[in-house]
Amino acid sequence: MTSGMYEGAIQDLIDALGRLPGIGPKSAQRIAFHILQSENETAHALVDAIRCALFGPIPGKRPKASMRSWIAPSYMPVLISPYSFR
């Protein structure tokens, strides 16, 4: 993508979101600014949820209930499956 109107980390975030299936440039921009304008705890919960989904639980850190709000219920069995990414 990188043909956006923003620079640096903001454009990197928009580009990364835009590479997700079904997310176009406008949606990527809206999602990026929603994340950036949300409370820090919300953004951290999203980051933690992604890390946990990819690498399993973070040692010494208990998953927060708020992380579940970022994950659609239909994906929950996949994320807690023994066949998850590790």
PDB file of N, CA and C in Angstrom:
ATOM      1  N   MET A   1       0.836  -1.193   0.000  1.00  0.00           N
ATOM      2  CA  MET A   1       0.000   0.000   0.000  1.00  0.00           C
ATOM      3  C   MET A   1       0.880   1.256   0.000  1.00  0.00           C
ATOM      4  N   THR A   2       1.433   1.634   1.055  1.00  0.00           N
ATOM      5  CA  THR A   2       2.339   2.763   1.258  1.00  0.00           C
ATOM      6  C   THR A   2       2.117   3.987   0.368  1.00  0.00           C
ATOM      7  N   SER A   3       0.993   4.098  -0.285  1.00  0.00           N
ATOM      8  CA  SER A   3       0.710   5.301  -1.070  1.00  0.00           C
ATOM      9  C   SER A   3      -0.257   6.199  -0.322  1.00  0.00           C
ATOM     10  N   GLY A   4      -0.323   6.035   0.982  1.00  0.00           N
ATOM     11  CA  GLY A   4      -1.262   6.781   1.803  1.00  0.00           C
ATOM     12  C   GLY A   4      -0.827   8.204   2.047  1.00  0.00           C
ATOM     13  N   MET A   5      -1.697   8.917   2.729  1.00  0.00           N
ATOM     14  CA  MET A   5      -1.434  10.320   2.976  1.00  0.00           C
ATOM     15  C   MET A   5      -0.812  10.590   4.333  1.00  0.00           C
ATOM     16  N   TYR A   6      -0.547   9.539   5.099  1.00  0.00           N
ATOM     17  CA  TYR A   6       0.050   9.700   6.419  1.00  0.00           C
ATOM     18  C   TYR A   6       1.472   9.176   6.371  1.00  0.00           C
ATOM     19  N   GLU A   7       2.249   9.495   7.400  1.00  0.00           N
ATOM     20  CA  GLU A   7       3.640   9.072   7.421  1.00  0.00           C
ATOM     21  C   GLU A   7       3.933   8.247   8.664  1.00  0.00           C
ATOM     22  N   GLY A   8       5.007   7.515   8.594  1.00  0.00           N
ATOM     23  CA  GLY A   8       5.523   6.816   9.756  1.00  0.00           C
ATOM     24  C   GLY A   8       4.627   5.717  10.278  1.00  0.00           C
ATOM     25  N   ALA A   9       4.568   5.627  11.606  1.00  0.00           N
ATOM     26  CA  ALA A   9       3.876   4.532  12.278  1.00  0.00           C
ATOM     27  C   ALA A   9       2.381   4.503  11.970  1.00  0.00           C
ATOM     28  N   ILE A  10       1.771   5.666  11.795  1.00  0.00           N
ATOM     29  CA  ILE A  10       0.333   5.702  11.496  1.00  0.00           C
ATOM     30  C   ILE A  10       0.066   5.051  10.143  1.00  0.00           C
ATOM     31  N   GLN A  11       0.860   5.409   9.139  1.00  0.00           N
ATOM     32  CA  GLN A  11       0.680   4.808   7.814  1.00  0.00           C
ATOM     33  C   GLN A  11       1.020   3.321   7.841  1.00  0.00           C
ATOM     34  N   ASP A  12       2.021   2.945   8.633  1.00  0.00           N
ATOM     35  CA  ASP A  12       2.362   1.519   8.764  1.00  0.00           C
ATOM     36  C   ASP A  12       1.183   0.734   9.332  1.00  0.00           C
ATOM     37  N   LEU A  13       0.507   1.312  10.338  1.00  0.00           N
ATOM     38  CA  LEU A  13      -0.664   0.656  10.922  1.00  0.00           C
ATOM     39  C   LEU A  13      -1.785   0.538   9.895  1.00  0.00           C
ATOM     40  N   ILE A  14      -2.051   1.602   9.174  1.00  0.00           N
ATOM     41  CA  ILE A  14      -3.092   1.590   8.139  1.00  0.00           C
ATOM     42  C   ILE A  14      -2.758   0.549   7.074  1.00  0.00           C
ATOM     43  N   ASP A  15      -1.505   0.501   6.654  1.00  0.00           N
ATOM     44  CA  ASP A  15      -1.086  -0.475   5.636  1.00  0.00           C
ATOM     45  C   ASP A  15      -1.252  -1.903   6.139  1.00  0.00           C
ATOM     46  N   ALA A  16      -0.857  -2.143   7.390  1.00  0.00           N
ATOM     47  CA  ALA A  16      -0.974  -3.490   7.960  1.00  0.00           C
ATOM     48  C   ALA A  16      -2.424  -3.926   8.042  1.00  0.00           C
ATOM     49  N   LEU A  17      -3.286  -3.033   8.486  1.00  0.00           N
ATOM     50  CA  LEU A  17      -4.710  -3.359   8.569  1.00  0.00           C
ATOM     51  C   LEU A  17      -5.296  -3.571   7.174  1.00  0.00           C
ATOM     52  N   GLY A  18      -4.828  -2.802   6.208  1.00  0.00           N
ATOM     53  CA  GLY A  18      -5.311  -2.921   4.834  1.00  0.00           C
ATOM     54  C   GLY A  18      -4.925  -4.228   4.159  1.00  0.00           C
ATOM     55  N   ARG A  19      -3.943  -4.927   4.699  1.00  0.00           N
ATOM     56  CA  ARG A  19      -3.555  -6.228   4.142  1.00  0.00           C
ATOM     57  C   ARG A  19      -4.444  -7.359   4.643  1.00  0.00           C
ATOM     58  N   LEU A  20      -5.310  -7.089   5.612  1.00  0.00           N
ATOM     59  CA  LEU A  20      -6.226  -8.108   6.105  1.00  0.00           C
ATOM     60  C   LEU A  20      -7.315  -8.355   5.065  1.00  0.00           C
ATOM     61  N   PRO A  21      -7.775  -9.598   4.935  1.00  0.00           N
ATOM     62  CA  PRO A  21      -8.822  -9.886   3.945  1.00  0.00           C
ATOM     63  C   PRO A  21     -10.101  -9.114   4.239  1.00  0.00           C
ATOM     64  N   GLY A  22     -10.650  -8.523   3.217  1.00  0.00           N
ATOM     65  CA  GLY A  22     -11.917  -7.805   3.348  1.00  0.00           C
ATOM     66  C   GLY A  22     -11.799  -6.391   3.877  1.00  0.00           C
ATOM     67  N   ILE A  23     -10.577  -5.935   4.153  1.00  0.00           N
ATOM     68  CA  ILE A  23     -10.378  -4.572   4.664  1.00  0.00           C
ATOM     69  C   ILE A  23      -9.749  -3.740   3.561  1.00  0.00           C
ATOM     70  N   GLY A  24     -10.505  -2.769   3.079  1.00  0.00           N
ATOM     71  CA  GLY A  24      -9.994  -1.858   2.062  1.00  0.00           C
ATOM     72  C   GLY A  24      -9.280  -0.684   2.707  1.00  0.00           C
ATOM     73  N   PRO A  25      -8.763   0.220   1.889  1.00  0.00           N
ATOM     74  CA  PRO A  25      -8.008   1.366   2.409  1.00  0.00           C
ATOM     75  C   PRO A  25      -8.805   2.259   3.360  1.00  0.00           C
ATOM     76  N   LYS A  26     -10.066   2.538   3.020  1.00  0.00           N
ATOM     77  CA  LYS A  26     -10.886   3.399   3.893  1.00  0.00           C
ATOM     78  C   LYS A  26     -11.168   2.715   5.224  1.00  0.00           C
ATOM     79  N   SER A  27     -11.525   1.433   5.178  1.00  0.00           N
ATOM     80  CA  SER A  27     -11.793   0.697   6.413  1.00  0.00           C
ATOM     81  C   SER A  27     -10.535   0.606   7.262  1.00  0.00           C
ATOM     82  N   ALA A  28      -9.392   0.367   6.632  1.00  0.00           N
ATOM     83  CA  ALA A  28      -8.127   0.293   7.362  1.00  0.00           C
ATOM     84  C   ALA A  28      -7.846   1.605   8.080  1.00  0.00           C
ATOM     85  N   GLN A  29      -8.113   2.705   7.403  1.00  0.00           N
ATOM     86  CA  GLN A  29      -7.897   4.024   8.008  1.00  0.00           C
ATOM     87  C   GLN A  29      -8.850   4.230   9.189  1.00  0.00           C
ATOM     88  N   ARG A  30     -10.115   3.870   9.023  1.00  0.00           N
ATOM     89  CA  ARG A  30     -11.093   4.029  10.107  1.00  0.00           C
ATOM     90  C   ARG A  30     -10.717   3.184  11.323  1.00  0.00           C
ATOM     91  N   ILE A  31     -10.322   1.931  11.068  1.00  0.00           N
ATOM     92  CA  ILE A  31      -9.948   1.040  12.169  1.00  0.00           C
ATOM     93  C   ILE A  31      -8.708   1.588  12.880  1.00  0.00           C
ATOM     94  N   ALA A  32      -7.723   2.027  12.110  1.00  0.00           N
ATOM     95  CA  ALA A  32      -6.494   2.563  12.700  1.00  0.00           C
ATOM     96  C   ALA A  32      -6.796   3.747  13.612  1.00  0.00           C
ATOM     97  N   PHE A  33      -7.603   4.683  13.134  1.00  0.00           N
ATOM     98  CA  PHE A  33      -7.906   5.852  13.958  1.00  0.00           C
ATOM     99  C   PHE A  33      -8.808   5.509  15.138  1.00  0.00           C
ATOM    100  N   HIS A  34      -9.647   4.499  14.989  1.00  0.00           N
ATOM    101  CA  HIS A  34     -10.443   4.046  16.127  1.00  0.00           C
ATOM    102  C   HIS A  34      -9.524   3.499  17.217  1.00  0.00           C
ATOM    103  N   ILE A  35      -8.563   2.681  16.819  1.00  0.00           N
ATOM    104  CA  ILE A  35      -7.617   2.127  17.787  1.00  0.00           C
ATOM    105  C   ILE A  35      -6.817   3.242  18.449  1.00  0.00           C
ATOM    106  N   LEU A  36      -6.325   4.183  17.648  1.00  0.00           N
ATOM    107  CA  LEU A  36      -5.496   5.262  18.188  1.00  0.00           C
ATOM    108  C   LEU A  36      -6.272   6.207  19.099  1.00  0.00           C
ATOM    109  N   GLN A  37      -7.571   6.362  18.864  1.00  0.00           N
ATOM    110  CA  GLN A  37      -8.377   7.260  19.685  1.00  0.00           C
ATOM    111  C   GLN A  37      -8.991   6.565  20.897  1.00  0.00           C
ATOM    112  N   SER A  38      -8.871   5.245  20.958  1.00  0.00           N
ATOM    113  CA  SER A  38      -9.435   4.511  22.090  1.00  0.00           C
ATOM    114  C   SER A  38      -8.510   4.636  23.299  1.00  0.00           C
ATOM    115  N   GLU A  39      -9.008   4.188  24.419  1.00  0.00           N
ATOM    116  CA  GLU A  39      -8.199   4.221  25.634  1.00  0.00           C
ATOM    117  C   GLU A  39      -7.019   3.274  25.481  1.00  0.00           C
ATOM    118  N   ASN A  40      -5.918   3.585  26.162  1.00  0.00           N
ATOM    119  CA  ASN A  40      -4.730   2.737  26.076  1.00  0.00           C
ATOM    120  C   ASN A  40      -5.034   1.295  26.438  1.00  0.00           C
ATOM    121  N   GLU A  41      -5.879   1.087  27.429  1.00  0.00           N
ATOM    122  CA  GLU A  41      -6.199  -0.272  27.865  1.00  0.00           C
ATOM    123  C   GLU A  41      -6.846  -1.075  26.736  1.00  0.00           C
ATOM    124  N   THR A  42      -7.672  -0.429  25.947  1.00  0.00           N
ATOM    125  CA  THR A  42      -8.326  -1.107  24.823  1.00  0.00           C
ATOM    126  C   THR A  42      -7.304  -1.514  23.769  1.00  0.00           C
ATOM    127  N   ALA A  43      -6.394  -0.616  23.429  1.00  0.00           N
ATOM    128  CA  ALA A  43      -5.358  -0.933  22.445  1.00  0.00           C
ATOM    129  C   ALA A  43      -4.440  -2.036  22.965  1.00  0.00           C
ATOM    130  N   HIS A  44      -4.076  -1.974  24.248  1.00  0.00           N
ATOM    131  CA  HIS A  44      -3.222  -3.008  24.835  1.00  0.00           C
ATOM    132  C   HIS A  44      -3.934  -4.354  24.858  1.00  0.00           C
ATOM    133  N   ALA A  45      -5.228  -4.357  25.108  1.00  0.00           N
ATOM    134  CA  ALA A  45      -6.002  -5.606  25.105  1.00  0.00           C
ATOM    135  C   ALA A  45      -5.999  -6.229  23.713  1.00  0.00           C
ATOM    136  N   LEU A  46      -6.089  -5.403  22.673  1.00  0.00           N
ATOM    137  CA  LEU A  46      -6.036  -5.907  21.301  1.00  0.00           C
ATOM    138  C   LEU A  46      -4.669  -6.522  21.008  1.00  0.00           C
ATOM    139  N   VAL A  47      -3.610  -5.834  21.383  1.00  0.00           N
ATOM    140  CA  VAL A  47      -2.257  -6.350  21.173  1.00  0.00           C
ATOM    141  C   VAL A  47      -2.068  -7.668  21.919  1.00  0.00           C
ATOM    142  N   ASP A  48      -2.501  -7.713  23.181  1.00  0.00           N
ATOM    143  CA  ASP A  48      -2.382  -8.936  23.972  1.00  0.00           C
ATOM    144  C   ASP A  48      -3.182 -10.083  23.360  1.00  0.00           C
ATOM    145  N   ALA A  49      -4.372  -9.787  22.849  1.00  0.00           N
ATOM    146  CA  ALA A  49      -5.202 -10.824  22.235  1.00  0.00           C
ATOM    147  C   ALA A  49      -4.526 -11.405  20.996  1.00  0.00           C
ATOM    148  N   ILE A  50      -3.907 -10.544  20.199  1.00  0.00           N
ATOM    149  CA  ILE A  50      -3.203 -11.016  19.007  1.00  0.00           C
ATOM    150  C   ILE A  50      -1.999 -11.863  19.409  1.00  0.00           C
ATOM    151  N   ARG A  51      -1.225 -11.383  20.383  1.00  0.00           N
ATOM    152  CA  ARG A  51      -0.060 -12.150  20.852  1.00  0.00           C
ATOM    153  C   ARG A  51      -0.473 -13.512  21.388  1.00  0.00           C
ATOM    154  N   CYS A  52      -1.528 -13.532  22.197  1.00  0.00           N
ATOM    155  CA  CYS A  52      -1.998 -14.805  22.772  1.00  0.00           C
ATOM    156  C   CYS A  52      -2.487 -15.750  21.683  1.00  0.00           C
ATOM    157  N   ALA A  53      -3.173 -15.209  20.678  1.00  0.00           N
ATOM    158  CA  ALA A  53      -3.680 -16.045  19.595  1.00  0.00           C
ATOM    159  C   ALA A  53      -2.544 -16.666  18.792  1.00  0.00           C
ATOM    160  N   LEU A  54      -1.466 -15.932  18.621  1.00  0.00           N
ATOM    161  CA  LEU A  54      -0.345 -16.429  17.828  1.00  0.00           C
ATOM    162  C   LEU A  54       0.627 -17.297  18.616  1.00  0.00           C
ATOM    163  N   PHE A  55       0.895 -16.902  19.874  1.00  0.00           N
ATOM    164  CA  PHE A  55       1.978 -17.538  20.619  1.00  0.00           C
ATOM    165  C   PHE A  55       1.536 -18.230  21.900  1.00  0.00           C
ATOM    166  N   GLY A  56       0.247 -18.183  22.209  1.00  0.00           N
ATOM    167  CA  GLY A  56      -0.234 -18.768  23.457  1.00  0.00           C
ATOM    168  C   GLY A  56      -0.182 -17.744  24.576  1.00  0.00           C
ATOM    169  N   PRO A  57      -0.580 -18.161  25.765  1.00  0.00           N
ATOM    170  CA  PRO A  57      -0.633 -17.227  26.891  1.00  0.00           C
ATOM    171  C   PRO A  57       0.723 -16.586  27.177  1.00  0.00           C
ATOM    172  N   ILE A  58       0.689 -15.344  27.579  1.00  0.00           N
ATOM    173  CA  ILE A  58       1.901 -14.622  27.942  1.00  0.00           C
ATOM    174  C   ILE A  58       2.281 -15.050  29.357  1.00  0.00           C
ATOM    175  N   PRO A  59       3.497 -15.587  29.556  1.00  0.00           N
ATOM    176  CA  PRO A  59       3.894 -16.052  30.887  1.00  0.00           C
ATOM    177  C   PRO A  59       3.789 -14.940  31.928  1.00  0.00           C
ATOM    178  N   GLY A  60       3.186 -15.273  33.053  1.00  0.00           N
ATOM    179  CA  GLY A  60       3.057 -14.315  34.147  1.00  0.00           C
ATOM    180  C   GLY A  60       1.974 -13.286  33.951  1.00  0.00           C
ATOM    181  N   LYS A  61       1.227 -13.384  32.876  1.00  0.00           N
ATOM    182  CA  LYS A  61       0.167 -12.416  32.608  1.00  0.00           C
ATOM    183  C   LYS A  61      -1.133 -13.167  32.402  1.00  0.00           C
ATOM    184  N   ARG A  62      -2.113 -12.816  33.184  1.00  0.00           N
ATOM    185  CA  ARG A  62      -3.411 -13.470  33.081  1.00  0.00           C
ATOM    186  C   ARG A  62      -4.268 -12.740  32.045  1.00  0.00           C
ATOM    187  N   PRO A  63      -4.879 -13.481  31.112  1.00  0.00           N
ATOM    188  CA  PRO A  63      -5.717 -12.815  30.102  1.00  0.00           C
ATOM    189  C   PRO A  63      -6.870 -12.049  30.746  1.00  0.00           C
ATOM    190  N   LYS A  64      -7.129 -10.882  30.238  1.00  0.00           N
ATOM    191  CA  LYS A  64      -8.218 -10.054  30.759  1.00  0.00           C
ATOM    192  C   LYS A  64      -9.530 -10.416  30.084  1.00  0.00           C
ATOM    193  N   ALA A  65     -10.603 -10.266  30.815  1.00  0.00           N
ATOM    194  CA  ALA A  65     -11.926 -10.526  30.245  1.00  0.00           C
ATOM    195  C   ALA A  65     -12.191  -9.592  29.071  1.00  0.00           C
ATOM    196  N   SER A  66     -11.642  -8.370  29.121  1.00  0.00           N
ATOM    197  CA  SER A  66     -11.888  -7.409  28.043  1.00  0.00           C
ATOM    198  C   SER A  66     -11.306  -7.876  26.716  1.00  0.00           C
ATOM    199  N   MET A  67     -10.310  -8.788  26.758  1.00  0.00           N
ATOM    200  CA  MET A  67      -9.733  -9.296  25.519  1.00  0.00           C
ATOM    201  C   MET A  67     -10.767 -10.087  24.738  1.00  0.00           C
ATOM    202  N   ARG A  68     -11.681 -10.728  25.440  1.00  0.00           N
ATOM    203  CA  ARG A  68     -12.690 -11.534  24.763  1.00  0.00           C
ATOM    204  C   ARG A  68     -13.609 -10.679  23.901  1.00  0.00           C
ATOM    205  N   SER A  69     -13.772  -9.406  24.253  1.00  0.00           N
ATOM    206  CA  SER A  69     -14.675  -8.548  23.493  1.00  0.00           C
ATOM    207  C   SER A  69     -14.128  -8.254  22.090  1.00  0.00           C
ATOM    208  N   TRP A  70     -12.827  -8.465  21.873  1.00  0.00           N
ATOM    209  CA  TRP A  70     -12.233  -8.208  20.568  1.00  0.00           C
ATOM    210  C   TRP A  70     -12.345  -9.415  19.644  1.00  0.00           C
ATOM    211  N   ILE A  71     -12.685 -10.567  20.212  1.00  0.00           N
ATOM    212  CA  ILE A  71     -12.682 -11.794  19.433  1.00  0.00           C
ATOM    213  C   ILE A  71     -14.113 -12.280  19.252  1.00  0.00           C
ATOM    214  N   ALA A  72     -14.511 -12.474  18.010  1.00  0.00           N
ATOM    215  CA  ALA A  72     -15.860 -12.979  17.742  1.00  0.00           C
ATOM    216  C   ALA A  72     -16.010 -14.365  18.357  1.00  0.00           C
ATOM    217  N   PRO A  73     -17.160 -14.660  18.969  1.00  0.00           N
ATOM    218  CA  PRO A  73     -17.357 -15.961  19.607  1.00  0.00           C
ATOM    219  C   PRO A  73     -17.076 -17.146  18.690  1.00  0.00           C
ATOM    220  N   SER A  74     -17.310 -17.003  17.399  1.00  0.00           N
ATOM    221  CA  SER A  74     -17.068 -18.118  16.475  1.00  0.00           C
ATOM    222  C   SER A  74     -15.588 -18.471  16.369  1.00  0.00           C
ATOM    223  N   TYR A  75     -14.687 -17.543  16.725  1.00  0.00           N
ATOM    224  CA  TYR A  75     -13.258 -17.813  16.660  1.00  0.00           C
ATOM    225  C   TYR A  75     -12.700 -18.374  17.960  1.00  0.00           C
ATOM    226  N   MET A  76     -13.431 -18.257  19.061  1.00  0.00           N
ATOM    227  CA  MET A  76     -12.917 -18.690  20.353  1.00  0.00           C
ATOM    228  C   MET A  76     -12.486 -20.150  20.363  1.00  0.00           C
ATOM    229  N   PRO A  77     -13.263 -21.102  19.812  1.00  0.00           N
ATOM    230  CA  PRO A  77     -12.797 -22.491  19.833  1.00  0.00           C
ATOM    231  C   PRO A  77     -11.479 -22.684  19.089  1.00  0.00           C
ATOM    232  N   VAL A  78     -11.266 -21.921  18.038  1.00  0.00           N
ATOM    233  CA  VAL A  78     -10.026 -22.022  17.279  1.00  0.00           C
ATOM    234  C   VAL A  78      -8.856 -21.548  18.120  1.00  0.00           C
ATOM    235  N   LEU A  79      -9.044 -20.443  18.864  1.00  0.00           N
ATOM    236  CA  LEU A  79      -7.954 -19.870  19.635  1.00  0.00           C
ATOM    237  C   LEU A  79      -7.570 -20.713  20.836  1.00  0.00           C
ATOM    238  N   ILE A  80      -8.498 -21.491  21.362  1.00  0.00           N
ATOM    239  CA  ILE A  80      -8.167 -22.303  22.525  1.00  0.00           C
ATOM    240  C   ILE A  80      -7.937 -23.762  22.149  1.00  0.00           C
ATOM    241  N   SER A  81      -7.893 -24.030  20.867  1.00  0.00           N
ATOM    242  CA  SER A  81      -7.674 -25.381  20.369  1.00  0.00           C
ATOM    243  C   SER A  81      -6.238 -25.818  20.648  1.00  0.00           C
ATOM    244  N   PRO A  82      -6.032 -27.107  20.928  1.00  0.00           N
ATOM    245  CA  PRO A  82      -4.651 -27.581  21.100  1.00  0.00           C
ATOM    246  C   PRO A  82      -3.842 -27.512  19.807  1.00  0.00           C
ATOM    247  N   TYR A  83      -4.521 -27.269  18.699  1.00  0.00           N
ATOM    248  CA  TYR A  83      -3.839 -27.189  17.410  1.00  0.00           C
ATOM    249  C   TYR A  83      -3.531 -25.744  17.009  1.00  0.00           C
ATOM    250  N   SER A  84      -3.630 -24.824  17.965  1.00  0.00           N
ATOM    251  CA  SER A  84      -3.355 -23.411  17.691  1.00  0.00           C
ATOM    252  C   SER A  84      -1.884 -23.224  17.337  1.00  0.00           C
ATOM    253  N   PHE A  85      -1.577 -22.051  16.766  1.00  0.00           N
ATOM    254  CA  PHE A  85      -0.198 -21.699  16.468  1.00  0.00           C
ATOM    255  C   PHE A  85       0.609 -21.680  17.744  1.00  0.00           C
ATOM    256  N   ARG A  86       1.784 -22.155  17.716  1.00  0.00           N
ATOM    257  CA  ARG A  86       2.698 -22.111  18.884  1.00  0.00           C
ATOM    258  C   ARG A  86       4.095 -21.881  18.391  1.00  0.00           C
TER     259      ARG A  86
END
